[in-house]
Protein backbone atom coordinates (compact mmCIF):
# COMPACT_ATOMS: atom_id res chain seq x y z
CA MET A 1 19.31 106.30 -121.16
CA ARG A 2 21.48 109.35 -120.63
CA CYS A 3 20.48 113.00 -120.68
CA SER A 4 23.14 115.70 -120.65
CA ARG A 5 23.20 119.18 -119.19
CA ARG A 6 25.61 121.54 -120.91
CA GLN A 7 26.78 124.62 -119.06
CA ARG A 8 28.38 127.57 -120.85
CA ALA A 9 28.94 129.15 -117.47
CA ILE A 10 27.54 128.66 -114.00
CA SER A 11 25.00 130.70 -112.05
CA ALA A 12 24.99 130.94 -108.26
CA SER A 13 22.23 129.27 -106.30
CA SER A 14 21.32 128.67 -102.66
CA LEU A 15 18.82 125.85 -103.09
CA PRO A 16 18.34 123.27 -100.34
CA ALA A 17 19.92 119.81 -100.62
CA GLY A 18 17.90 117.13 -102.38
CA ARG A 19 16.90 113.76 -100.99
CA TYR A 20 16.26 110.42 -102.68
CA ALA A 21 14.41 107.52 -101.11
CA PRO A 22 14.23 104.28 -103.17
CA ASN A 23 10.71 102.88 -103.20
CA VAL A 24 8.56 100.53 -105.26
CA ASN A 25 6.69 103.39 -106.96
CA GLY A 26 9.83 105.09 -108.17
CA SER A 27 11.31 108.47 -107.29
CA LEU A 28 13.29 110.71 -109.61
CA LEU A 29 17.03 110.14 -109.41
CA LEU A 30 19.67 111.45 -111.80
CA ALA A 31 23.12 109.98 -111.32
CA ARG A 32 26.25 111.69 -112.60
CA VAL A 33 28.14 109.84 -115.33
CA VAL A 34 31.86 110.56 -115.03
CA ASN A 35 34.55 110.30 -117.70
CA THR A 36 32.04 110.64 -120.54
CA ASP A 37 32.04 112.90 -123.56
CA ALA A 38 29.58 115.74 -124.17
CA ASN A 39 27.23 113.40 -126.03
CA GLY A 40 26.97 110.97 -123.11
CA ALA A 41 29.14 108.24 -124.63
CA GLY A 42 31.30 106.11 -122.33
CA GLY A 43 31.96 106.75 -118.67
CA SER A 44 30.70 105.17 -115.48
CA LEU A 45 28.05 106.00 -112.87
CA ALA A 46 29.20 107.99 -109.86
CA TYR A 47 26.33 106.61 -107.75
CA VAL A 48 24.16 103.49 -107.92
CA PRO A 49 21.02 103.49 -105.74
CA GLY A 50 20.21 100.76 -103.27
CA PRO A 51 17.08 98.56 -103.37
CA PRO A 52 13.66 99.93 -102.31
CA GLY A 53 13.53 100.57 -98.57
CA SER A 54 17.29 100.88 -98.23
CA GLY A 55 16.99 104.39 -96.79
CA ALA A 56 17.03 108.00 -97.94
CA VAL A 57 20.14 109.55 -99.48
CA THR A 58 20.97 113.25 -99.13
CA LEU A 59 22.32 114.83 -102.33
CA ASP A 60 24.41 117.64 -100.91
CA SER A 61 27.85 117.54 -102.54
CA MET A 62 29.33 119.34 -105.55
CA SER A 63 32.21 118.60 -107.90
CA GLN A 64 34.25 120.91 -110.07
CA LEU A 65 33.76 120.99 -113.84
CA PRO A 66 36.66 121.94 -116.12
CA ILE A 67 35.78 124.89 -118.37
CA THR A 68 37.13 124.65 -121.91
CA ASN A 69 36.64 127.54 -124.35
CA GLY A 70 34.11 129.04 -121.98
CA GLN A 71 32.04 125.85 -121.67
CA ALA A 72 31.64 123.04 -119.17
CA PHE A 73 29.25 120.09 -119.20
CA ALA A 74 27.93 117.35 -116.96
CA VAL A 75 26.15 114.16 -118.04
CA TYR A 76 23.45 112.50 -115.94
CA GLU A 77 21.65 109.19 -116.31
CA VAL A 78 18.05 108.71 -115.20
CA MET A 79 18.30 105.90 -112.64
CA ASP A 80 14.77 106.02 -111.25
CA SER A 81 11.48 107.88 -111.80
CA ASP A 82 7.78 107.75 -111.06
CA PRO A 83 5.93 107.34 -114.40
CA ASN A 84 2.72 108.70 -112.85
CA ALA A 85 4.08 111.97 -111.47
CA ILE A 86 5.62 115.21 -112.67
CA GLU A 87 9.04 115.35 -111.05
CA PHE A 88 11.67 118.08 -110.86
CA ALA A 89 15.46 118.11 -110.77
CA GLN A 90 17.58 121.10 -109.73
CA PHE A 91 21.25 121.74 -110.41
CA PRO A 92 22.72 124.22 -107.90
CA THR A 93 25.85 125.70 -109.47
CA VAL A 94 28.51 128.16 -108.32
CA LEU A 95 30.98 130.17 -110.39
CA GLY A 96 34.36 130.66 -108.73
CA LEU A 97 36.82 133.36 -109.85
CA THR A 98 40.53 133.39 -109.01
CA PRO A 99 41.32 136.14 -106.44
CA GLY A 100 43.32 139.05 -107.79
CA ALA A 101 42.66 138.31 -111.45
CA GLU A 102 40.95 140.81 -113.73
CA TYR A 103 37.64 139.76 -115.26
CA ARG A 104 35.14 141.30 -117.54
CA SER A 105 31.53 140.96 -116.42
CA PRO A 106 30.80 137.26 -117.01
CA ASN A 107 28.00 136.39 -119.40
CA ILE A 108 26.37 133.49 -117.58
CA ARG A 109 24.11 131.08 -119.45
CA ASN A 110 22.94 127.56 -118.68
CA ARG A 111 21.73 125.16 -121.34
CA VAL A 112 20.11 121.76 -121.05
CA ALA A 113 20.31 119.19 -123.84
CA GLY A 114 18.73 115.76 -123.62
CA ALA A 115 19.55 112.51 -125.29
CA CYS A 116 16.32 110.89 -124.07
CA LEU A 117 12.95 111.38 -122.46
CA HIS A 118 12.16 107.76 -121.65
CA GLY A 119 11.17 107.45 -118.01
CA LEU A 120 11.69 111.18 -117.41
CA HIS A 121 8.47 113.12 -116.70
CA GLY A 122 9.99 116.31 -115.43
CA HIS A 123 11.45 119.60 -116.63
CA PHE A 124 14.88 121.10 -116.20
CA ASN A 125 14.07 124.60 -114.94
CA ARG A 126 15.92 127.91 -114.66
CA SER A 127 17.53 127.29 -117.99
CA ASP A 128 17.18 128.87 -121.43
CA SER A 129 16.86 125.53 -123.19
CA ALA A 130 14.65 122.55 -122.43
CA LEU A 131 14.80 118.89 -123.13
CA PRO A 132 13.35 117.95 -126.54
CA GLY A 133 9.60 117.59 -126.33
CA ALA A 134 9.37 119.17 -122.87
CA SER A 135 7.88 122.58 -122.16
CA PRO A 136 9.94 124.12 -119.33
CA ALA A 137 8.05 125.65 -116.44
CA THR A 138 9.31 127.84 -113.63
CA ASP A 139 9.65 126.17 -110.23
CA CYS A 140 9.26 129.38 -108.23
CA ASN A 141 5.88 128.21 -106.93
CA LEU A 142 7.55 125.19 -105.37
CA LEU A 143 10.26 127.33 -103.80
CA ASN A 144 7.95 130.22 -102.89
CA ASP A 145 10.29 132.75 -104.49
CA CYS A 146 8.20 134.02 -107.41
CA GLY A 147 8.90 137.70 -107.85
CA ALA A 148 12.10 137.57 -105.81
CA ALA A 149 14.46 140.48 -106.38
CA TYR A 150 17.29 138.23 -107.55
CA PHE A 151 15.34 137.20 -110.66
CA PRO A 152 15.72 139.42 -113.77
CA LYS A 153 12.62 141.44 -114.67
CA LEU A 154 12.13 142.80 -118.16
CA PHE A 155 10.94 146.34 -118.83
CA VAL A 156 10.41 147.60 -122.38
CA ASP A 157 9.02 150.96 -123.43
CA THR A 158 6.06 149.60 -125.41
CA THR A 159 4.91 152.98 -126.71
CA PRO A 160 3.90 152.29 -130.35
CA LEU A 161 6.46 153.34 -132.95
CA GLN A 162 4.87 155.34 -135.76
CA TYR A 163 6.58 156.48 -138.95
CA THR A 164 5.52 158.49 -142.00
CA ALA A 165 7.50 158.54 -145.24
CA GLN A 166 7.19 158.83 -149.00
CA ALA A 167 7.56 155.83 -151.27
CA GLY A 168 11.17 155.61 -152.35
CA GLY A 169 12.20 157.98 -149.55
CA ASN A 170 14.94 157.75 -146.93
CA TYR A 171 14.78 155.60 -143.80
CA GLN A 172 13.06 156.89 -140.66
CA VAL A 173 14.46 156.39 -137.14
CA ALA A 174 12.83 155.68 -133.75
CA TYR A 175 14.01 154.21 -130.45
CA THR A 176 12.73 152.04 -127.60
CA ARG A 177 14.32 151.16 -124.24
CA VAL A 178 15.08 147.81 -122.60
CA ASN A 179 15.85 147.59 -118.86
CA ASN A 180 16.42 144.89 -116.29
CA GLN A 181 14.41 146.01 -113.28
CA GLY A 182 15.34 142.91 -111.29
CA GLY A 183 18.56 141.15 -110.39
CA GLY A 184 21.20 139.09 -112.15
CA ASN A 185 22.04 139.20 -115.83
CA MET A 186 19.07 139.36 -118.19
CA LEU A 187 19.79 138.10 -121.70
CA TRP A 188 17.27 139.23 -124.31
CA ASN A 189 16.68 138.85 -128.04
CA THR A 190 14.46 140.66 -130.53
CA SER A 191 12.28 139.43 -133.35
CA ILE A 192 10.09 141.15 -135.96
CA ARG A 193 6.70 139.94 -137.13
CA TYR A 194 5.22 141.66 -140.19
CA THR A 195 1.47 141.98 -140.67
CA ASN A 196 1.96 143.15 -144.26
CA GLY A 197 5.03 143.72 -146.36
CA SER A 198 8.41 142.36 -145.29
CA GLY A 199 11.95 143.52 -144.70
CA TRP A 200 11.00 147.15 -144.09
CA LEU A 201 12.40 147.28 -140.55
CA ARG A 202 15.99 147.26 -139.32
CA VAL A 203 16.81 146.69 -135.62
CA ASP A 204 20.08 147.41 -133.79
CA PRO A 205 21.07 145.77 -131.54
CA THR A 206 19.11 142.55 -132.01
CA SER A 207 20.20 141.09 -128.65
CA GLY A 208 21.91 142.15 -125.46
CA ILE A 209 22.32 141.86 -121.72
CA ASN A 210 20.36 143.99 -119.22
CA ASN A 211 19.91 147.62 -120.32
CA ALA A 212 20.04 149.02 -123.83
CA THR A 213 18.46 151.48 -126.25
CA ILE A 214 17.20 149.74 -129.39
CA ARG A 215 17.20 151.68 -132.64
CA VAL A 216 14.44 150.73 -135.07
CA ASP A 217 14.70 152.03 -138.65
CA ALA A 218 11.76 152.00 -141.07
CA LEU A 219 12.84 151.54 -144.70
CA PRO A 220 10.21 152.81 -147.18
CA GLY A 221 12.48 152.64 -150.23
CA ASN A 222 10.89 149.55 -151.81
CA LEU A 223 7.32 150.06 -150.60
CA THR A 224 4.29 151.39 -152.44
CA ALA A 225 1.86 153.80 -150.83
CA GLY A 226 -0.12 152.27 -147.97
CA ILE A 227 -0.17 151.53 -144.24
CA TYR A 228 2.21 148.82 -142.98
CA ASN A 229 2.08 147.16 -139.56
CA ALA A 230 4.50 144.98 -137.62
CA THR A 231 5.49 144.13 -134.06
CA LEU A 232 8.86 144.11 -132.33
CA THR A 233 9.12 141.45 -129.61
CA VAL A 234 11.79 141.62 -126.92
CA ASP A 235 12.11 138.20 -125.27
CA ALA A 236 14.14 137.80 -122.07
CA GLY A 237 13.20 134.21 -121.32
CA GLN A 238 10.57 132.51 -119.23
CA ILE A 239 11.25 134.20 -115.91
CA ALA A 240 11.93 137.77 -117.08
CA GLY A 241 9.19 137.59 -119.73
CA SER A 242 8.69 139.24 -123.10
CA ARG A 243 7.16 142.49 -124.34
CA VAL A 244 5.69 143.57 -127.68
CA VAL A 245 6.04 146.99 -129.33
CA PRO A 246 3.48 147.80 -132.08
CA ILE A 247 4.91 149.48 -135.20
CA THR A 248 3.08 151.39 -137.96
CA LEU A 249 4.61 152.85 -141.12
CA THR A 250 2.42 155.11 -143.27
CA VAL A 251 3.82 155.47 -146.78
CA SER A 252 2.48 158.21 -149.05
CA ALA A 253 2.83 158.23 -152.82
CA ALA A 254 5.94 159.91 -154.16
CA PRO A 255 5.26 163.25 -155.91
CA PRO A 256 5.35 163.14 -159.72
CA PRO A 257 8.72 164.09 -161.21
CA VAL A 258 9.18 167.73 -162.22
CA PRO A 259 9.27 167.89 -166.03
CA SER A 260 12.39 169.24 -167.73
CA PRO A 261 12.29 172.28 -170.02
CA VAL A 262 11.78 171.58 -173.73
CA VAL A 263 13.39 173.64 -176.51
CA THR A 264 11.45 173.68 -179.80
CA THR A 265 13.27 176.35 -181.86
CA ILE A 266 15.68 179.31 -181.76
CA VAL A 267 15.18 182.36 -183.99
CA ASN A 268 16.52 185.88 -184.57
CA GLY A 269 15.37 188.06 -181.68
CA ALA A 270 14.48 191.06 -183.90
CA SER A 271 12.69 189.44 -186.82
CA PHE A 272 11.81 186.02 -185.38
CA ALA A 273 13.28 184.66 -188.61
CA PRO A 274 14.71 181.15 -188.29
CA GLY A 275 18.25 180.45 -189.31
CA PHE A 276 21.74 181.46 -188.22
CA VAL A 277 22.11 183.67 -185.11
CA ALA A 278 25.42 185.51 -184.81
CA PRO A 279 27.59 185.85 -181.69
CA GLY A 280 26.71 189.04 -179.84
CA SER A 281 23.20 189.18 -181.35
CA ILE A 282 19.91 188.74 -179.54
CA ALA A 283 18.10 185.41 -180.07
CA THR A 284 14.70 184.14 -178.99
CA ILE A 285 14.25 180.57 -177.79
CA PHE A 286 10.77 179.03 -177.94
CA GLY A 287 9.72 176.01 -175.95
CA THR A 288 7.94 175.06 -172.72
CA ARG A 289 8.55 174.97 -168.96
CA PHE A 290 11.01 177.85 -168.91
CA THR A 291 9.63 179.38 -165.69
CA GLY A 292 11.72 178.88 -162.55
CA ALA A 293 13.74 180.49 -159.82
CA ILE A 294 17.02 180.00 -161.65
CA VAL A 295 17.11 179.98 -165.47
CA SER A 296 20.34 179.72 -167.44
CA VAL A 297 21.26 179.20 -171.11
CA THR A 298 24.56 177.94 -172.52
CA PHE A 299 25.99 177.46 -176.02
CA ASP A 300 28.73 174.81 -176.05
CA GLY A 301 28.95 175.37 -172.30
CA MET A 302 29.43 179.14 -172.68
CA PRO A 303 26.82 181.15 -170.70
CA ALA A 304 24.46 183.46 -172.56
CA LYS A 305 22.96 186.52 -170.91
CA VAL A 306 19.23 185.98 -170.27
CA LEU A 307 17.32 189.19 -171.09
CA PHE A 308 13.77 187.87 -170.67
CA ALA A 309 12.28 184.64 -169.30
CA GLY A 310 8.71 183.45 -169.75
CA ASP A 311 7.16 180.02 -169.61
CA THR A 312 7.41 179.52 -173.39
CA GLN A 313 9.97 182.13 -174.48
CA LEU A 314 13.52 183.21 -173.59
CA ASN A 315 15.39 186.20 -175.01
CA VAL A 316 19.17 185.83 -174.73
CA MET A 317 22.37 187.43 -175.99
CA ILE A 318 24.53 184.95 -177.90
CA PRO A 319 28.03 184.71 -176.31
CA MET A 320 30.75 186.55 -178.24
CA GLU A 321 33.12 183.68 -177.34
CA LEU A 322 31.47 181.49 -180.00
CA GLY A 323 33.48 183.38 -182.59
CA ASP A 324 33.02 182.06 -186.12
CA ARG A 325 31.48 178.73 -185.16
CA THR A 326 28.68 177.59 -187.42
CA SER A 327 26.93 175.40 -184.77
CA ALA A 328 26.79 175.11 -181.01
CA LYS A 329 25.08 172.89 -178.41
CA LEU A 330 22.19 174.78 -176.79
CA VAL A 331 21.12 173.83 -173.24
CA VAL A 332 18.41 175.56 -171.20
CA THR A 333 18.54 174.78 -167.45
CA VAL A 334 15.62 175.62 -165.15
CA ASP A 335 16.12 175.04 -161.39
CA GLY A 336 18.74 172.36 -162.09
CA LEU A 337 16.77 170.52 -164.82
CA ALA A 338 18.45 170.65 -168.23
CA SER A 339 16.73 170.51 -171.61
CA ALA A 340 17.62 168.43 -174.61
CA PRO A 341 19.19 170.80 -177.18
CA PRO A 342 17.61 171.28 -180.63
CA GLY A 343 20.90 170.38 -182.25
CA HIS A 344 22.28 173.83 -183.12
């Protein structure tokens, strides 16, 4: 049975050397498999243990892993284990950089992938991925370094984010902060959980390293009136922890649309007689919703002078520019809302 540990990069460690003592009850031993592929196929064991009672072995050497496209891997085979005990394996790793070369800040991540669990009753710790079926646990209690300054420590401003908006309105913006108050590089990711509704939040960025300001937009455009709740979770892994930010969006009903003015008839301004109105003469327009801050009247796009404006009546002077036309398109506009013309 072979279980592989894949390493995208390598984190520094100063853990003590391990020891293995073959005995009849079994003791956890992982042996390196060299010249294998990333899936554990092929290769040969770098170390084969002796029989029980053959003496303790100190595991205190390291070998270099070639990094290809930012990744390196090592494959281990479980050679021995105690089926009645929870056992731990540690992989001290060191990242070496060539002197004098220019580097960006390395993004260091370790991953563990397993091809088996048979005979293995332990966890691979200090990693962001566990063997299938295993729930990784921190080993800081064994090493007495819980809370050490070199571990990352997540801080998130968990002040609730509260938004108010109208249905169909524009997006609303709020922010929250993420900080690493410990050591090392802290990788974090965000996730949204909706209590009601869905898709009404937008987060940027959704992941990062160490410190950042997260922008959270509330999108009321497709929501009806009501109160919507959700939570934003920032997860920085088992050691650094996770934090939850409550979110509330209160959506009010959109105001009813402002009705447009309506033209019912146009008559002679002196006699109120229906029929033809001549250019340069005074005409009266009857209708509704003519009251507003800005009222204008046009005939075929030519402005008419407004002499009087009431809610149901307008007195205007017909533009002389109409000349000898026998019909014209009448439009009354009140505060930007145009009427449908009566046809002449």
